[in-house]
N, C-alpha and C. Protein backbone atom coordinates (compact mmCIF):
# COMPACT_ATOMS: atom_id res chain seq x y z
N MET A 1 39.78 -62.85 -0.34
CA MET A 1 38.13 -63.33 -0.28
C MET A 1 37.55 -62.21 -1.31
N ASN A 2 36.68 -62.60 -1.98
CA ASN A 2 35.66 -61.69 -2.86
C ASN A 2 34.66 -61.45 -2.21
N LYS A 3 34.21 -60.06 -2.21
CA LYS A 3 33.15 -59.64 -1.05
C LYS A 3 31.73 -60.12 -1.46
N GLY A 4 31.75 -60.54 -2.79
CA GLY A 4 30.23 -61.16 -3.30
C GLY A 4 30.23 -62.70 -3.12
N THR A 5 31.01 -63.42 -2.49
CA THR A 5 30.93 -64.74 -2.49
C THR A 5 30.13 -65.16 -1.48
N PHE A 6 29.57 -66.56 -1.63
CA PHE A 6 28.42 -66.87 -0.43
C PHE A 6 29.43 -67.23 0.88
N GLU A 7 30.73 -67.57 0.90
CA GLU A 7 31.40 -67.87 1.78
C GLU A 7 31.42 -66.45 3.11
N ASP A 8 31.85 -65.46 2.26
CA ASP A 8 31.86 -64.20 3.06
C ASP A 8 30.68 -63.85 3.52
N LEU A 9 29.36 -63.97 2.68
CA LEU A 9 28.22 -63.77 3.57
C LEU A 9 27.71 -64.56 4.43
N ALA A 10 28.14 -65.85 4.59
CA ALA A 10 27.90 -66.68 5.91
C ALA A 10 28.99 -66.45 6.78
N HIS A 11 30.08 -66.01 6.72
CA HIS A 11 31.26 -65.63 7.70
C HIS A 11 30.70 -64.55 8.23
N ARG A 12 29.90 -63.48 7.46
CA ARG A 12 29.67 -62.09 8.26
C ARG A 12 28.32 -62.45 8.98
N LEU A 13 27.58 -63.28 8.60
CA LEU A 13 26.35 -63.82 9.35
C LEU A 13 26.73 -64.48 10.59
N PHE A 14 27.68 -65.28 10.38
CA PHE A 14 28.30 -66.09 11.62
C PHE A 14 28.77 -65.11 12.76
N LEU A 15 29.57 -64.19 12.37
CA LEU A 15 30.27 -63.11 12.97
C LEU A 15 29.02 -62.38 13.88
N ARG A 16 27.88 -62.22 13.25
CA ARG A 16 26.82 -61.06 13.76
C ARG A 16 25.84 -61.86 14.71
N PHE A 17 25.89 -63.40 14.76
CA PHE A 17 24.84 -64.15 15.29
C PHE A 17 25.04 -63.76 16.58
N PRO A 18 23.85 -63.67 17.78
CA PRO A 18 24.08 -63.37 18.98
C PRO A 18 24.99 -64.46 19.83
N ARG A 19 25.59 -64.24 20.83
CA ARG A 19 26.38 -64.96 21.49
C ARG A 19 26.02 -65.51 22.93
N ASN A 20 24.92 -64.64 23.11
CA ASN A 20 24.36 -65.06 24.81
C ASN A 20 23.07 -66.03 24.62
N ASN A 21 23.09 -66.98 25.65
CA ASN A 21 22.25 -67.82 25.46
C ASN A 21 20.86 -67.36 25.64
N PHE A 22 20.21 -66.47 25.83
CA PHE A 22 19.03 -66.10 26.08
C PHE A 22 18.57 -65.77 24.57
N SER A 23 19.70 -65.07 23.62
CA SER A 23 18.97 -64.88 22.44
C SER A 23 19.07 -65.81 21.58
N VAL A 24 19.91 -67.08 21.73
CA VAL A 24 20.11 -68.06 20.80
C VAL A 24 18.95 -69.12 21.17
N ALA A 25 18.50 -68.74 22.69
CA ALA A 25 17.20 -69.88 23.08
C ALA A 25 16.04 -69.32 22.56
N SER A 26 15.81 -67.93 22.41
CA SER A 26 14.88 -67.16 21.91
C SER A 26 14.47 -67.72 20.52
N ILE A 27 15.60 -67.50 19.48
CA ILE A 27 15.76 -67.77 18.25
C ILE A 27 15.38 -69.33 18.02
N CYS A 28 15.73 -70.09 18.83
CA CYS A 28 15.96 -71.50 18.54
C CYS A 28 14.24 -71.91 18.95
N VAL A 29 13.84 -71.17 19.96
CA VAL A 29 12.23 -71.84 20.31
C VAL A 29 11.16 -71.27 19.28
N VAL A 30 11.70 -70.00 18.83
CA VAL A 30 10.59 -69.68 17.45
C VAL A 30 10.59 -70.28 16.59
N LEU A 31 11.97 -70.83 16.03
CA LEU A 31 12.24 -71.86 14.93
C LEU A 31 11.45 -72.93 15.05
N THR A 32 11.66 -73.59 16.26
CA THR A 32 11.11 -74.76 16.60
C THR A 32 9.44 -74.74 16.62
N LEU A 33 9.05 -73.62 16.97
CA LEU A 33 7.42 -73.49 17.24
C LEU A 33 6.95 -73.22 15.86
N LEU A 34 7.87 -72.54 14.85
CA LEU A 34 7.63 -72.39 13.37
C LEU A 34 7.45 -73.86 12.80
N VAL A 35 8.36 -74.52 12.97
CA VAL A 35 8.66 -76.03 12.30
C VAL A 35 7.44 -76.75 12.55
N GLY A 36 7.08 -76.68 14.21
CA GLY A 36 5.85 -77.59 14.69
C GLY A 36 4.69 -76.84 14.03
N LEU A 37 4.41 -75.75 13.76
CA LEU A 37 3.36 -74.83 13.15
C LEU A 37 3.02 -75.65 11.71
N LEU A 38 4.25 -75.43 10.87
CA LEU A 38 4.01 -76.32 9.57
C LEU A 38 3.74 -77.69 9.68
N ASP A 39 4.38 -78.18 10.62
CA ASP A 39 4.51 -79.95 10.64
C ASP A 39 2.86 -79.93 10.96
N TYR A 40 2.31 -79.34 11.86
CA TYR A 40 0.86 -79.52 12.23
C TYR A 40 -0.06 -79.22 11.00
N ALA A 41 0.24 -78.21 10.28
CA ALA A 41 -0.85 -77.72 9.24
C ALA A 41 -0.73 -78.58 7.95
N THR A 42 0.46 -79.27 7.51
CA THR A 42 0.64 -80.20 6.75
C THR A 42 0.15 -81.57 7.07
N GLY A 43 -0.15 -81.86 8.36
CA GLY A 43 -0.69 -83.21 8.80
C GLY A 43 0.35 -84.52 8.56
N ASN A 44 -0.33 -85.47 7.83
CA ASN A 44 0.61 -86.67 7.61
C ASN A 44 1.07 -86.33 6.18
N GLN A 45 0.80 -85.41 5.22
CA GLN A 45 1.09 -85.30 3.98
C GLN A 45 2.66 -85.15 3.75
N LEU A 46 3.23 -84.43 4.80
CA LEU A 46 4.79 -84.11 4.60
C LEU A 46 5.40 -84.43 5.88
N ASN A 47 6.65 -85.04 6.08
CA ASN A 47 7.29 -85.25 7.03
C ASN A 47 8.41 -84.22 7.39
N PHE A 48 8.28 -83.50 8.56
CA PHE A 48 9.30 -82.59 8.85
C PHE A 48 10.08 -82.83 9.88
N PHE A 49 10.39 -84.10 10.17
CA PHE A 49 11.27 -84.76 11.30
C PHE A 49 12.65 -84.02 10.91
N LEU A 50 13.22 -83.84 9.59
CA LEU A 50 14.36 -83.40 9.50
C LEU A 50 14.65 -81.70 9.85
N PHE A 51 13.56 -81.06 9.40
CA PHE A 51 13.57 -79.63 9.43
C PHE A 51 13.81 -78.91 11.07
N TYR A 52 13.51 -80.19 12.06
CA TYR A 52 13.68 -79.80 13.73
C TYR A 52 15.24 -79.77 13.92
N PHE A 53 15.96 -80.50 12.81
CA PHE A 53 17.30 -80.24 13.17
C PHE A 53 17.89 -78.76 13.28
N VAL A 54 17.39 -78.13 12.27
CA VAL A 54 18.05 -76.91 12.40
C VAL A 54 18.13 -76.07 13.64
N PRO A 55 16.83 -75.57 14.45
CA PRO A 55 17.34 -75.19 15.70
C PRO A 55 17.94 -76.15 16.72
N ILE A 56 17.94 -77.53 16.53
CA ILE A 56 18.84 -78.11 17.27
C ILE A 56 20.30 -77.99 17.21
N ALA A 57 20.77 -77.98 16.09
CA ALA A 57 22.04 -77.76 15.69
C ALA A 57 22.42 -76.14 16.00
N THR A 58 21.65 -75.43 15.91
CA THR A 58 22.00 -74.10 16.15
C THR A 58 22.19 -73.78 17.51
N SER A 59 20.98 -74.35 18.59
CA SER A 59 21.59 -74.29 19.87
C SER A 59 22.66 -74.81 20.29
N ALA A 60 22.98 -76.25 20.04
CA ALA A 60 24.25 -76.89 20.01
C ALA A 60 25.31 -76.10 19.80
N TRP A 61 25.39 -75.35 18.78
CA TRP A 61 26.60 -74.79 18.43
C TRP A 61 26.82 -73.37 19.12
N PHE A 62 25.66 -72.74 19.39
CA PHE A 62 25.93 -71.44 19.91
C PHE A 62 25.81 -71.26 21.19
N ALA A 63 25.09 -72.32 22.05
CA ALA A 63 24.38 -72.04 23.34
C ALA A 63 25.11 -73.34 24.04
N ASN A 64 24.50 -73.31 25.37
CA ASN A 64 24.99 -74.34 26.13
C ASN A 64 24.16 -75.60 26.19
N TRP A 65 24.60 -76.75 26.97
CA TRP A 65 24.01 -78.05 26.67
C TRP A 65 22.62 -77.82 27.31
N GLN A 66 22.00 -76.95 28.37
CA GLN A 66 21.17 -77.14 28.88
C GLN A 66 20.02 -76.26 27.96
N THR A 67 20.19 -75.36 27.09
CA THR A 67 19.68 -74.81 26.49
C THR A 67 19.14 -75.75 24.94
N THR A 68 20.26 -76.60 24.42
CA THR A 68 20.23 -77.63 23.62
C THR A 68 19.02 -78.63 24.13
N GLY A 69 19.17 -79.07 25.35
CA GLY A 69 18.28 -80.00 25.85
C GLY A 69 16.97 -79.59 25.84
N LEU A 70 16.51 -78.20 26.21
CA LEU A 70 15.46 -77.63 26.07
C LEU A 70 14.73 -77.78 24.60
N ILE A 71 15.59 -77.37 23.69
CA ILE A 71 15.27 -77.45 22.28
C ILE A 71 14.91 -78.80 21.93
N VAL A 72 15.76 -79.67 22.29
CA VAL A 72 15.51 -81.11 21.83
C VAL A 72 14.23 -81.66 22.70
N LEU A 73 13.75 -81.49 23.69
CA LEU A 73 12.76 -81.87 24.24
C LEU A 73 11.62 -81.17 23.62
N LEU A 74 11.49 -80.09 23.18
CA LEU A 74 10.43 -78.98 22.61
C LEU A 74 10.38 -79.90 21.33
N SER A 75 11.47 -80.09 20.45
CA SER A 75 11.10 -80.67 19.20
C SER A 75 10.55 -81.82 19.17
N VAL A 76 11.19 -82.89 20.31
CA VAL A 76 10.43 -84.18 20.30
C VAL A 76 8.81 -84.05 20.72
N TYR A 77 8.55 -83.34 21.64
CA TYR A 77 7.13 -82.97 22.19
C TYR A 77 6.48 -82.57 20.67
N GLN A 78 6.90 -81.69 19.96
CA GLN A 78 6.15 -81.20 18.68
C GLN A 78 6.08 -82.54 17.66
N CYS A 79 7.35 -83.13 17.72
CA CYS A 79 7.05 -84.01 16.47
C CYS A 79 6.37 -85.21 16.72
N VAL A 80 5.98 -85.61 18.19
CA VAL A 80 5.45 -87.13 18.41
C VAL A 80 3.91 -86.44 18.45
N THR A 81 3.50 -85.12 18.64
CA THR A 81 2.20 -84.82 18.90
C THR A 81 1.42 -84.21 17.95
């Protein structure tokens, strides 16, 4: 595998991603709040519904189901309000 390829970069980032639930939950909450802030700032001009998938998928992949449920509830709350 060539060191300059995108796959190598993605693999190295995957290996360095934190594995404990608190770190993953913190990162996902910050991502969700950032998406919610951008969603609020744009109002009805843009639909950010699909961008909420990134923290949900990240928590589902790296954390447990309780953390994923928390991120889902936070995302739904921000998307609806």
